[in-house]
Amino acid sequence: MATDVQVLDWQALTPQQRSNALARPTQAVSERLQQQVAAIIDTVAKRGDQALLDYTAQFDRVTLTSPVLAMATVEALAAQATAQVKRAIDQAYANIRQFHLAQQPQDIRVETMPGVVCEQRFQPLERVGLYIPGGSASLPSTVLMLGIPAQIAGCQERILISPPSADGELSPAICYAAVKCGVTQVCLGGGAQAIAALALGTDSIAKVDKIFGPGNSYVTEAKQQVSQIAGGPAIDMPAGPSEILVIADESAEPAFVAADLLSQAEHGPDSQVILLSPSRRLIEQVQIELAQQLAALPRQSIAAQALSASALILTRDLNEAVAISQAYAPEHLLLQFDDTETYLPQLTNAGSIFVGHYTPESGGDYATGTNHVLPTYGFARNYSSLGLLDFYRRYTVQTVSAQGLQDLGQTLIDLAAEEQLDAHLRAVSLRLESPRMQADLAAEQPTSRAAKTTTETRS
């Protein structure tokens, strides 16, 4: 089967052609899409559950009586998962949990000066929404990637929502992963309407504090719109259609490279895959492999559409490939050449990096332990891959004694005066001048002198 993937020589391209070669296929969100998503959010705000059910009937062609899948049904479906699938999910769960457990935050307490104590504390988000894409594939791996950190963090309510299957349920694999991750509620719905239900709440679905999970252009746009609503939820990141960039040289196996490119191309027609290589021979071999492997894929029509917006690019050398990758900032970056340690420190703009010939992107998608929810569209320049800390909010605490305020007070007064904020100034000066503070200072003094003496003696 022939492929429409472009083969380009970077040195022969104009600046505009180079920009076009790296342009994401869906990065320009149309005004029409924005309006459609806004209308869906408004309808869910007004009609709640019924809007979600109507959209499910319209878009998924499934008629439901409730957007909630009872946990008893979820557990029964989970039990139907095959032993092979359960073993795979169990292994993936163990690796992902181990890696995320190592990310647990620690509260800190610092006395910045005598009598002035500052703390940073972490609190798990109370209620989180976990969006699991559906449609043409069952994605239990995304349940693990979202559910495990939510479970470790101790989020009290973990609400999963995913488009229903044709029979109005979810796959046994998704249900098994959901039970294993301690999901507290499972709901049925997809697209912008599911994001709206999580963000705004309905009679059946509680409003969440933060929404997690990747999705198509409608999901990504909906997440961004609801995050702008006053009192609306936070979102994890702009995580849209999948993308991969491979840097490879003569040492790479063409079959490996082609397989990795196709592993992302089969996600959806709006995915994008790019190969950068200084080897013309490798590019020619990868092109042949792509055609051969594509012909054997059940999802070949989807992958072929993605390849039409993709490119195999000949670079001058690996240094130029690194520079292009840094500018593109891919979601997934694969390094299939021998001298990776020389170049790895230079490659910082990526959601997740896969090093070496035996590190397929599929490993990160499923079970190495890292999280596969990653920034796309070039947002890897300023967004991070999903991690445990995303399921917490951090806040600070400060405690100042009378002596601490006495010592720090003039600094506070001078800064407030510089900024001409008199109420700020008086909030300090009134305390400094109060009889109560003078009494407390007198009470603190002996303790302070004793502490100082002890310190001096120890030194």
Protein backbone atom coordinates (compact mmCIF):
# COMPACT_ATOMS: atom_id res chain seq x y z
CA MET A 1 0.00 0.00 0.00
CA ALA A 2 1.45 3.36 -1.00
CA THR A 3 1.71 6.20 1.49
CA ASP A 4 1.30 9.94 0.98
CA VAL A 5 3.96 10.88 3.53
CA GLN A 6 6.19 13.69 2.30
CA VAL A 7 9.94 13.22 1.88
CA LEU A 8 11.69 16.57 2.30
CA ASP A 9 15.26 17.88 2.17
CA TRP A 10 15.50 20.49 4.95
CA GLN A 11 18.35 22.33 3.23
CA ALA A 12 16.29 22.79 0.06
CA LEU A 13 13.26 24.30 1.84
CA THR A 14 12.46 27.97 2.19
CA PRO A 15 11.67 29.30 5.69
CA GLN A 16 7.95 29.19 4.85
CA GLN A 17 8.20 25.63 3.55
CA ARG A 18 10.02 24.62 6.72
CA SER A 19 7.26 26.18 8.81
CA ASN A 20 4.62 24.38 6.75
CA ALA A 21 6.42 21.05 7.16
CA LEU A 22 6.22 21.31 10.96
CA ALA A 23 2.69 22.77 11.17
CA ARG A 24 0.26 20.62 13.14
CA PRO A 25 -2.75 19.54 11.06
CA THR A 26 -5.33 20.80 13.60
CA GLN A 27 -3.43 23.54 15.37
CA ALA A 28 -5.51 26.33 13.85
CA VAL A 29 -8.78 26.03 15.77
CA SER A 30 -11.50 27.28 13.49
CA GLU A 31 -14.00 29.87 14.63
CA ARG A 32 -16.73 27.41 13.75
CA LEU A 33 -15.32 24.76 16.09
CA GLN A 34 -15.03 27.30 18.90
CA GLN A 35 -18.66 28.30 18.41
CA GLN A 36 -19.82 24.69 18.29
CA VAL A 37 -18.04 23.88 21.52
CA ALA A 38 -19.39 27.02 23.20
CA ALA A 39 -22.93 26.05 22.17
CA ILE A 40 -22.49 22.53 23.57
CA ILE A 41 -21.21 23.89 26.89
CA ASP A 42 -24.15 26.30 27.08
CA THR A 43 -26.65 23.53 26.37
CA VAL A 44 -25.17 21.29 29.08
CA ALA A 45 -25.27 24.25 31.49
CA LYS A 46 -28.99 24.68 30.83
CA ARG A 47 -30.17 21.08 30.42
CA GLY A 48 -27.64 19.01 32.39
CA ASP A 49 -28.09 15.25 32.20
CA GLN A 50 -30.63 15.44 29.38
CA ALA A 51 -28.23 17.41 27.20
CA LEU A 52 -25.51 14.83 27.81
CA LEU A 53 -27.90 12.00 26.94
CA ASP A 54 -29.11 13.78 23.79
CA TYR A 55 -25.57 14.44 22.60
CA THR A 56 -24.65 10.80 23.26
CA ALA A 57 -27.57 9.71 21.09
CA GLN A 58 -26.58 12.21 18.38
CA PHE A 59 -22.82 11.67 18.26
CA ASP A 60 -22.33 8.13 19.59
CA ARG A 61 -25.66 6.72 18.35
CA VAL A 62 -26.34 5.17 21.74
CA THR A 63 -29.56 5.75 23.66
CA LEU A 64 -29.10 5.84 27.44
CA THR A 65 -31.50 6.44 30.31
CA SER A 66 -28.77 7.70 32.64
CA PRO A 67 -25.26 9.05 32.14
CA VAL A 68 -24.05 7.04 35.16
CA LEU A 69 -22.91 3.44 34.92
CA ALA A 70 -23.65 1.81 38.27
CA MET A 71 -20.57 0.60 40.12
CA ALA A 72 -22.13 -2.86 40.44
CA THR A 73 -22.27 -3.00 36.65
CA VAL A 74 -18.71 -1.69 36.40
CA GLU A 75 -17.49 -4.45 38.74
CA ALA A 76 -19.44 -7.09 36.82
CA LEU A 77 -17.93 -5.92 33.54
CA ALA A 78 -14.45 -5.83 35.11
CA ALA A 79 -14.83 -9.48 36.05
CA GLN A 80 -15.37 -10.29 32.36
CA ALA A 81 -11.90 -9.09 31.34
CA THR A 82 -9.75 -11.96 30.13
CA ALA A 83 -6.98 -13.32 32.32
CA GLN A 84 -4.45 -12.11 29.76
CA VAL A 85 -5.78 -8.54 29.85
CA LYS A 86 -5.93 -8.57 33.65
CA ARG A 87 -2.29 -9.68 33.86
CA ALA A 88 -1.23 -6.93 31.48
CA ILE A 89 -3.15 -4.28 33.38
CA ASP A 90 -1.77 -5.58 36.69
CA GLN A 91 1.83 -5.31 35.42
CA ALA A 92 1.27 -1.85 33.97
CA TYR A 93 -0.44 -0.75 37.19
CA ALA A 94 2.51 -1.92 39.28
CA ASN A 95 5.10 -0.07 37.15
CA ILE A 96 3.11 3.14 36.84
CA ARG A 97 2.32 3.14 40.56
CA GLN A 98 5.96 2.59 41.49
CA PHE A 99 7.15 5.52 39.36
CA HIS A 100 4.43 7.86 40.62
CA LEU A 101 4.88 6.88 44.26
CA ALA A 102 8.43 8.23 43.98
CA GLN A 103 6.97 11.63 43.11
CA GLN A 104 5.18 12.14 46.44
CA PRO A 105 5.67 15.73 47.63
CA GLN A 106 7.05 16.70 51.02
CA ASP A 107 5.78 19.60 53.11
CA ILE A 108 8.52 22.08 54.00
CA ARG A 109 8.99 24.40 56.99
CA VAL A 110 11.60 27.17 56.98
CA GLU A 111 12.38 29.83 59.60
CA THR A 112 13.40 32.62 57.23
CA MET A 113 14.48 34.78 60.19
CA PRO A 114 14.02 34.38 63.95
CA GLY A 115 10.32 34.34 64.76
CA VAL A 116 9.19 34.16 61.09
CA VAL A 117 8.19 30.65 60.00
CA CYS A 118 7.08 29.86 56.43
CA GLU A 119 5.61 26.55 55.32
CA GLN A 120 4.57 24.95 52.05
CA ARG A 121 1.91 22.28 52.31
CA PHE A 122 0.26 20.00 49.79
CA GLN A 123 -3.40 19.03 49.73
CA PRO A 124 -4.93 16.55 47.28
CA LEU A 125 -7.66 17.89 45.06
CA GLU A 126 -11.00 16.80 46.46
CA ARG A 127 -12.85 15.96 43.26
CA VAL A 128 -11.24 15.20 39.90
CA GLY A 129 -12.67 14.36 36.49
CA LEU A 130 -10.87 11.73 34.44
CA TYR A 131 -11.71 11.89 30.73
CA ILE A 132 -10.99 8.67 28.84
CA PRO A 133 -11.24 9.00 25.04
CA GLY A 134 -13.30 6.38 23.29
CA GLY A 135 -14.71 5.98 19.84
CA SER A 136 -12.62 3.61 17.75
CA ALA A 137 -10.51 2.12 20.57
CA SER A 138 -10.74 1.00 24.19
CA LEU A 139 -8.08 2.79 26.24
CA PRO A 140 -7.59 1.17 29.66
CA SER A 141 -4.04 2.55 29.65
CA THR A 142 -5.40 6.10 29.99
CA VAL A 143 -7.50 4.97 32.96
CA LEU A 144 -4.26 3.86 34.63
CA MET A 145 -2.39 7.04 33.72
CA LEU A 146 -5.08 9.22 35.30
CA GLY A 147 -6.47 6.92 37.96
CA ILE A 148 -3.20 5.86 39.60
CA PRO A 149 -1.90 9.35 40.50
CA ALA A 150 -5.40 10.36 41.64
CA GLN A 151 -5.45 7.26 43.85
CA ILE A 152 -1.97 7.85 45.28
CA ALA A 153 -2.71 11.53 45.94
CA GLY A 154 -5.85 10.57 47.83
CA CYS A 155 -8.40 12.57 45.83
CA GLN A 156 -11.68 11.76 47.58
CA GLU A 157 -13.83 11.64 44.44
CA ARG A 158 -12.45 10.29 41.18
CA ILE A 159 -15.07 10.59 38.45
CA LEU A 160 -14.33 8.79 35.20
CA ILE A 161 -16.25 9.60 32.02
CA SER A 162 -15.87 7.92 28.64
CA PRO A 163 -17.98 7.47 25.50
CA PRO A 164 -20.18 4.37 25.75
CA SER A 165 -19.80 1.32 23.56
CA ALA A 166 -22.59 0.35 21.17
CA ASP A 167 -24.33 -1.58 23.96
CA GLY A 168 -24.34 1.42 26.28
CA GLU A 169 -21.54 0.24 28.55
CA LEU A 170 -17.73 0.33 28.69
CA SER A 171 -15.22 -2.38 27.82
CA PRO A 172 -14.31 -4.93 30.50
CA ALA A 173 -10.67 -3.73 30.29
CA ILE A 174 -11.62 -0.11 31.07
CA CYS A 175 -13.83 -1.27 33.92
CA TYR A 176 -11.11 -3.52 35.35
CA ALA A 177 -8.61 -0.66 35.30
CA ALA A 178 -11.18 1.69 36.85
CA VAL A 179 -11.88 -0.70 39.73
CA LYS A 180 -8.17 -1.26 40.29
CA CYS A 181 -7.59 2.51 40.49
CA GLY A 182 -10.43 2.98 42.97
CA VAL A 183 -12.55 5.17 40.67
CA THR A 184 -15.56 6.31 42.70
CA GLN A 185 -18.01 7.02 39.84
CA VAL A 186 -18.16 5.95 36.20
CA CYS A 187 -20.12 8.02 33.70
CA LEU A 188 -20.95 7.66 30.02
CA GLY A 189 -20.33 10.47 27.59
CA GLY A 190 -17.72 11.85 25.27
CA GLY A 191 -16.47 14.95 23.53
CA ALA A 192 -17.10 18.53 24.53
CA GLN A 193 -20.34 17.57 26.27
CA ALA A 194 -18.53 15.26 28.68
CA ILE A 195 -16.04 18.01 29.55
CA ALA A 196 -18.94 20.42 30.10
CA ALA A 197 -20.69 17.96 32.43
CA LEU A 198 -17.54 17.57 34.53
CA ALA A 199 -16.92 21.31 34.59
CA LEU A 200 -20.45 22.49 35.38
CA GLY A 201 -22.00 19.50 37.12
CA THR A 202 -25.39 17.93 36.44
CA ASP A 203 -27.99 16.20 38.59
CA SER A 204 -25.98 12.97 38.28
CA ILE A 205 -22.41 14.22 37.92
CA ALA A 206 -20.76 16.40 40.54
CA LYS A 207 -18.81 19.47 39.43
CA VAL A 208 -15.08 18.70 39.61
CA ASP A 209 -12.10 20.78 40.70
CA LYS A 210 -9.85 19.76 37.81
CA ILE A 211 -10.25 17.87 34.55
CA PHE A 212 -7.62 15.44 33.29
CA GLY A 213 -7.22 13.51 30.07
CA PRO A 214 -6.43 13.80 26.36
CA GLY A 215 -8.89 14.02 23.52
CA ASN A 216 -9.64 15.30 20.05
CA SER A 217 -9.87 18.93 18.98
CA TYR A 218 -13.36 19.31 20.48
CA VAL A 219 -12.23 17.96 23.84
CA THR A 220 -9.14 20.16 23.88
CA GLU A 221 -11.14 23.26 22.96
CA ALA A 222 -13.81 22.43 25.56
CA LYS A 223 -11.19 22.03 28.29
CA GLN A 224 -9.73 25.42 27.46
CA GLN A 225 -13.15 27.11 27.37
CA VAL A 226 -14.42 25.69 30.68
CA SER A 227 -11.16 26.63 32.39
CA GLN A 228 -12.01 30.27 31.61
CA ILE A 229 -15.43 30.12 33.29
CA ALA A 230 -15.54 32.03 36.59
CA GLY A 231 -15.35 29.38 39.29
CA GLY A 232 -14.69 26.74 36.66
CA PRO A 233 -12.25 23.84 36.88
CA ALA A 234 -8.54 23.77 36.29
CA ILE A 235 -7.28 21.55 33.47
CA ASP A 236 -4.15 19.46 33.22
CA MET A 237 -2.78 20.74 29.91
CA PRO A 238 -3.63 21.21 26.23
CA ALA A 239 -3.48 17.50 25.34
CA GLY A 240 -4.89 16.97 21.88
CA PRO A 241 -4.23 14.70 18.90
CA SER A 242 -1.13 12.55 19.27
CA GLU A 243 2.24 13.27 17.66
CA ILE A 244 5.68 11.70 17.48
CA LEU A 245 9.08 12.81 16.22
CA VAL A 246 11.89 10.32 15.61
CA ILE A 247 15.54 11.28 15.22
CA ALA A 248 17.48 8.41 13.64
CA ASP A 249 20.70 7.80 11.76
CA GLU A 250 22.31 4.92 9.84
CA SER A 251 22.49 2.82 13.00
CA ALA A 252 18.67 2.67 13.28
CA GLU A 253 16.53 -0.24 12.13
CA PRO A 254 14.16 1.04 9.42
CA ALA A 255 11.47 -1.42 10.53
CA PHE A 256 11.66 -0.12 14.11
CA VAL A 257 11.39 3.48 12.98
CA ALA A 258 8.42 2.80 10.70
CA ALA A 259 6.63 0.84 13.41
CA ASP A 260 7.02 3.70 15.88
CA LEU A 261 5.75 6.24 13.37
CA LEU A 262 2.71 4.11 12.62
CA SER A 263 2.05 3.53 16.32
CA GLN A 264 1.07 7.19 16.58
CA ALA A 265 -0.43 7.55 13.11
CA GLU A 266 -3.03 4.91 13.96
CA HIS A 267 -4.32 6.98 16.91
CA GLY A 268 -6.35 9.23 14.64
CA PRO A 269 -6.46 10.99 11.28
CA ASP A 270 -5.36 14.24 12.96
CA SER A 271 -2.21 12.70 14.46
CA GLN A 272 1.18 13.72 13.08
CA VAL A 273 4.46 11.81 12.76
CA ILE A 274 7.87 13.14 11.71
CA LEU A 275 11.23 11.51 11.03
CA LEU A 276 14.43 13.55 11.09
CA SER A 277 17.54 11.85 9.75
CA PRO A 278 20.87 12.79 8.12
CA SER A 279 20.72 9.49 6.24
CA ARG A 280 18.96 9.50 2.86
CA ARG A 281 19.31 5.73 2.73
CA LEU A 282 17.49 5.30 6.05
CA ILE A 283 14.66 7.58 4.92
CA GLU A 284 14.21 5.56 1.72
CA GLN A 285 14.13 2.30 3.70
CA VAL A 286 11.67 3.72 6.24
CA GLN A 287 9.42 4.83 3.38
CA ILE A 288 9.36 1.26 2.07
CA GLU A 289 8.71 -0.14 5.54
CA LEU A 290 5.87 2.29 6.11
CA ALA A 291 4.09 1.09 3.00
CA GLN A 292 4.57 -2.58 3.88
CA GLN A 293 3.57 -2.25 7.53
CA LEU A 294 0.65 0.05 6.78
CA ALA A 295 -0.86 -2.54 4.46
CA ALA A 296 -1.08 -5.00 7.36
CA LEU A 297 -2.75 -2.63 9.85
CA PRO A 298 -6.45 -3.00 10.65
CA ARG A 299 -6.55 0.80 11.14
CA GLN A 300 -4.68 1.51 7.92
CA SER A 301 -7.16 4.12 6.63
CA ILE A 302 -6.78 6.18 9.83
CA ALA A 303 -2.99 5.86 9.79
CA ALA A 304 -2.83 6.75 6.11
CA GLN A 305 -4.71 10.01 6.74
CA ALA A 306 -2.29 10.90 9.51
CA LEU A 307 0.70 10.14 7.27
CA SER A 308 -0.61 12.59 4.67
CA ALA A 309 0.06 15.44 7.15
CA SER A 310 3.43 14.01 8.17
CA ALA A 311 6.98 14.09 6.82
CA LEU A 312 10.29 12.27 6.51
CA ILE A 313 12.92 15.01 6.59
CA LEU A 314 16.55 14.77 5.48
CA THR A 315 18.78 16.90 7.71
CA ARG A 316 22.38 18.00 7.30
CA ASP A 317 23.43 16.14 10.47
CA LEU A 318 22.19 15.17 13.93
CA ASN A 319 22.84 18.67 15.25
CA GLU A 320 20.37 20.11 12.77
CA ALA A 321 17.86 17.40 13.66
CA VAL A 322 18.19 18.36 17.34
CA ALA A 323 17.56 22.03 16.51
CA ILE A 324 14.45 21.17 14.48
CA SER A 325 13.14 18.96 17.28
CA GLN A 326 13.66 21.73 19.83
CA ALA A 327 11.67 24.11 17.64
CA TYR A 328 8.88 21.57 17.06
CA ALA A 329 8.65 20.50 20.74
CA PRO A 330 7.06 17.08 20.15
CA GLU A 331 4.76 15.20 22.47
CA HIS A 332 6.85 12.03 21.99
CA LEU A 333 10.52 12.16 20.98
CA LEU A 334 12.37 8.98 20.01
CA LEU A 335 16.15 8.86 19.71
CA GLN A 336 17.20 5.94 17.53
CA PHE A 337 20.92 6.42 17.13
CA ASP A 338 23.92 5.21 19.12
CA ASP A 339 25.42 8.36 20.63
CA THR A 340 22.32 9.44 22.54
CA GLU A 341 24.17 10.61 25.66
CA THR A 342 25.89 13.39 23.71
CA TYR A 343 22.62 14.85 22.44
CA LEU A 344 20.15 14.06 25.23
CA PRO A 345 21.07 17.11 27.38
CA GLN A 346 20.27 19.37 24.41
CA LEU A 347 16.80 17.90 23.90
CA THR A 348 14.63 19.58 26.50
CA ASN A 349 11.48 20.52 24.54
CA ALA A 350 9.54 17.25 24.57
CA GLY A 351 6.71 15.74 26.54
CA SER A 352 8.50 12.40 26.93
CA ILE A 353 11.76 11.11 25.45
CA PHE A 354 12.44 7.49 24.45
CA VAL A 355 16.14 6.69 24.29
CA GLY A 356 17.71 3.91 22.24
CA HIS A 357 16.79 1.32 19.67
CA TYR A 358 14.87 -0.85 22.13
CA THR A 359 12.64 1.83 23.65
CA PRO A 360 9.43 1.88 21.63
CA GLU A 361 6.93 4.66 22.22
CA SER A 362 4.43 1.91 23.07
CA GLY A 363 6.36 1.32 26.29
CA GLY A 364 5.52 4.78 27.59
CA ASP A 365 1.96 4.46 26.33
CA TYR A 366 1.38 1.37 28.42
CA ALA A 367 3.71 0.10 31.06
CA THR A 368 7.24 1.44 31.53
CA GLY A 369 5.92 3.59 34.37
CA THR A 370 5.99 7.12 32.96
CA ASN A 371 2.74 8.93 32.24
CA HIS A 372 1.43 9.06 28.70
CA VAL A 373 -0.70 12.18 29.13
CA LEU A 374 1.60 14.73 27.52
CA PRO A 375 1.43 18.24 26.06
CA THR A 376 0.89 18.46 22.30
CA TYR A 377 0.78 21.27 19.70
CA GLY A 378 4.27 22.43 20.77
CA PHE A 379 3.15 23.11 24.35
CA ALA A 380 6.02 20.88 25.53
CA ARG A 381 8.02 24.13 25.60
CA ASN A 382 6.07 25.35 28.62
CA TYR A 383 3.89 22.49 29.91
CA SER A 384 5.02 19.34 31.69
CA SER A 385 4.04 15.72 31.31
CA LEU A 386 1.30 14.66 33.72
CA GLY A 387 2.60 13.67 37.15
CA LEU A 388 1.52 13.08 40.70
CA LEU A 389 1.87 16.75 41.71
CA ASP A 390 -0.88 17.68 39.24
CA PHE A 391 -3.38 16.03 41.57
CA TYR A 392 -2.49 18.30 44.48
CA ARG A 393 -2.78 21.95 45.16
CA ARG A 394 -0.03 23.54 47.18
CA TYR A 395 -0.46 26.42 49.57
CA THR A 396 1.67 28.32 52.03
CA VAL A 397 1.39 29.06 55.75
CA GLN A 398 3.28 31.71 57.68
CA THR A 399 3.49 32.25 61.42
CA VAL A 400 5.12 35.36 62.86
CA SER A 401 5.84 35.87 66.57
CA ALA A 402 5.76 39.25 68.29
CA GLN A 403 9.55 39.44 68.19
CA GLY A 404 9.53 38.33 64.55
CA LEU A 405 7.18 41.17 63.63
CA GLN A 406 9.24 43.61 65.68
CA ASP A 407 12.32 42.67 63.64
CA LEU A 408 10.61 42.52 60.26
CA GLY A 409 8.13 45.35 60.77
CA GLN A 410 10.17 48.26 59.43
CA THR A 411 10.83 46.37 56.20
CA LEU A 412 7.09 45.83 55.76
CA ILE A 413 6.33 49.47 56.52
CA ASP A 414 8.95 50.77 54.10
CA LEU A 415 7.73 48.57 51.24
CA ALA A 416 4.07 49.47 51.88
CA ALA A 417 4.99 53.15 51.90
CA GLU A 418 6.91 52.78 48.63
CA GLU A 419 3.83 51.22 47.03
CA GLN A 420 1.53 53.84 48.63
CA LEU A 421 -0.70 51.20 50.22
CA ASP A 422 -1.53 52.85 53.53
CA ALA A 423 -3.83 50.10 54.78
CA HIS A 424 -1.02 47.60 54.33
CA LEU A 425 1.27 49.91 56.30
CA ARG A 426 -1.21 50.38 59.15
CA ALA A 427 -1.84 46.64 59.41
CA VAL A 428 1.78 46.46 60.57
CA SER A 429 2.17 49.73 62.49
CA LEU A 430 -0.98 49.21 64.55
CA ARG A 431 0.41 45.91 65.79
CA LEU A 432 3.83 47.34 66.53
CA GLU A 433 2.31 50.17 68.58
CA SER A 434 -0.26 48.06 70.44
CA PRO A 435 0.01 47.45 74.21
CA ARG A 436 -0.75 43.80 73.56
CA MET A 437 2.32 43.42 71.40
CA GLN A 438 4.52 45.18 73.95
CA ALA A 439 3.31 42.75 76.60
CA ASP A 440 3.91 39.76 74.35
CA LEU A 441 7.38 41.03 73.48
CA ALA A 442 8.25 41.28 77.14
CA ALA A 443 7.02 37.73 77.66
CA GLU A 444 9.03 36.41 74.72
CA GLN A 445 12.34 38.10 75.60
CA PRO A 446 13.66 35.68 78.26
CA THR A 447 12.98 32.73 75.96
CA SER A 448 14.71 34.44 73.06
CA ARG A 449 17.76 35.29 75.18
CA ALA A 450 17.96 31.72 76.49
CA ALA A 451 17.71 30.32 72.99
CA LYS A 452 20.45 32.65 71.78
CA THR A 453 22.72 31.74 74.67
CA THR A 454 22.19 28.02 73.97
CA THR A 455 23.06 28.52 70.31
CA GLU A 456 26.20 30.46 71.15
CA THR A 457 27.30 27.83 73.66
CA ARG A 458 26.88 25.04 71.09
CA SER A 459 28.92 26.89 68.51
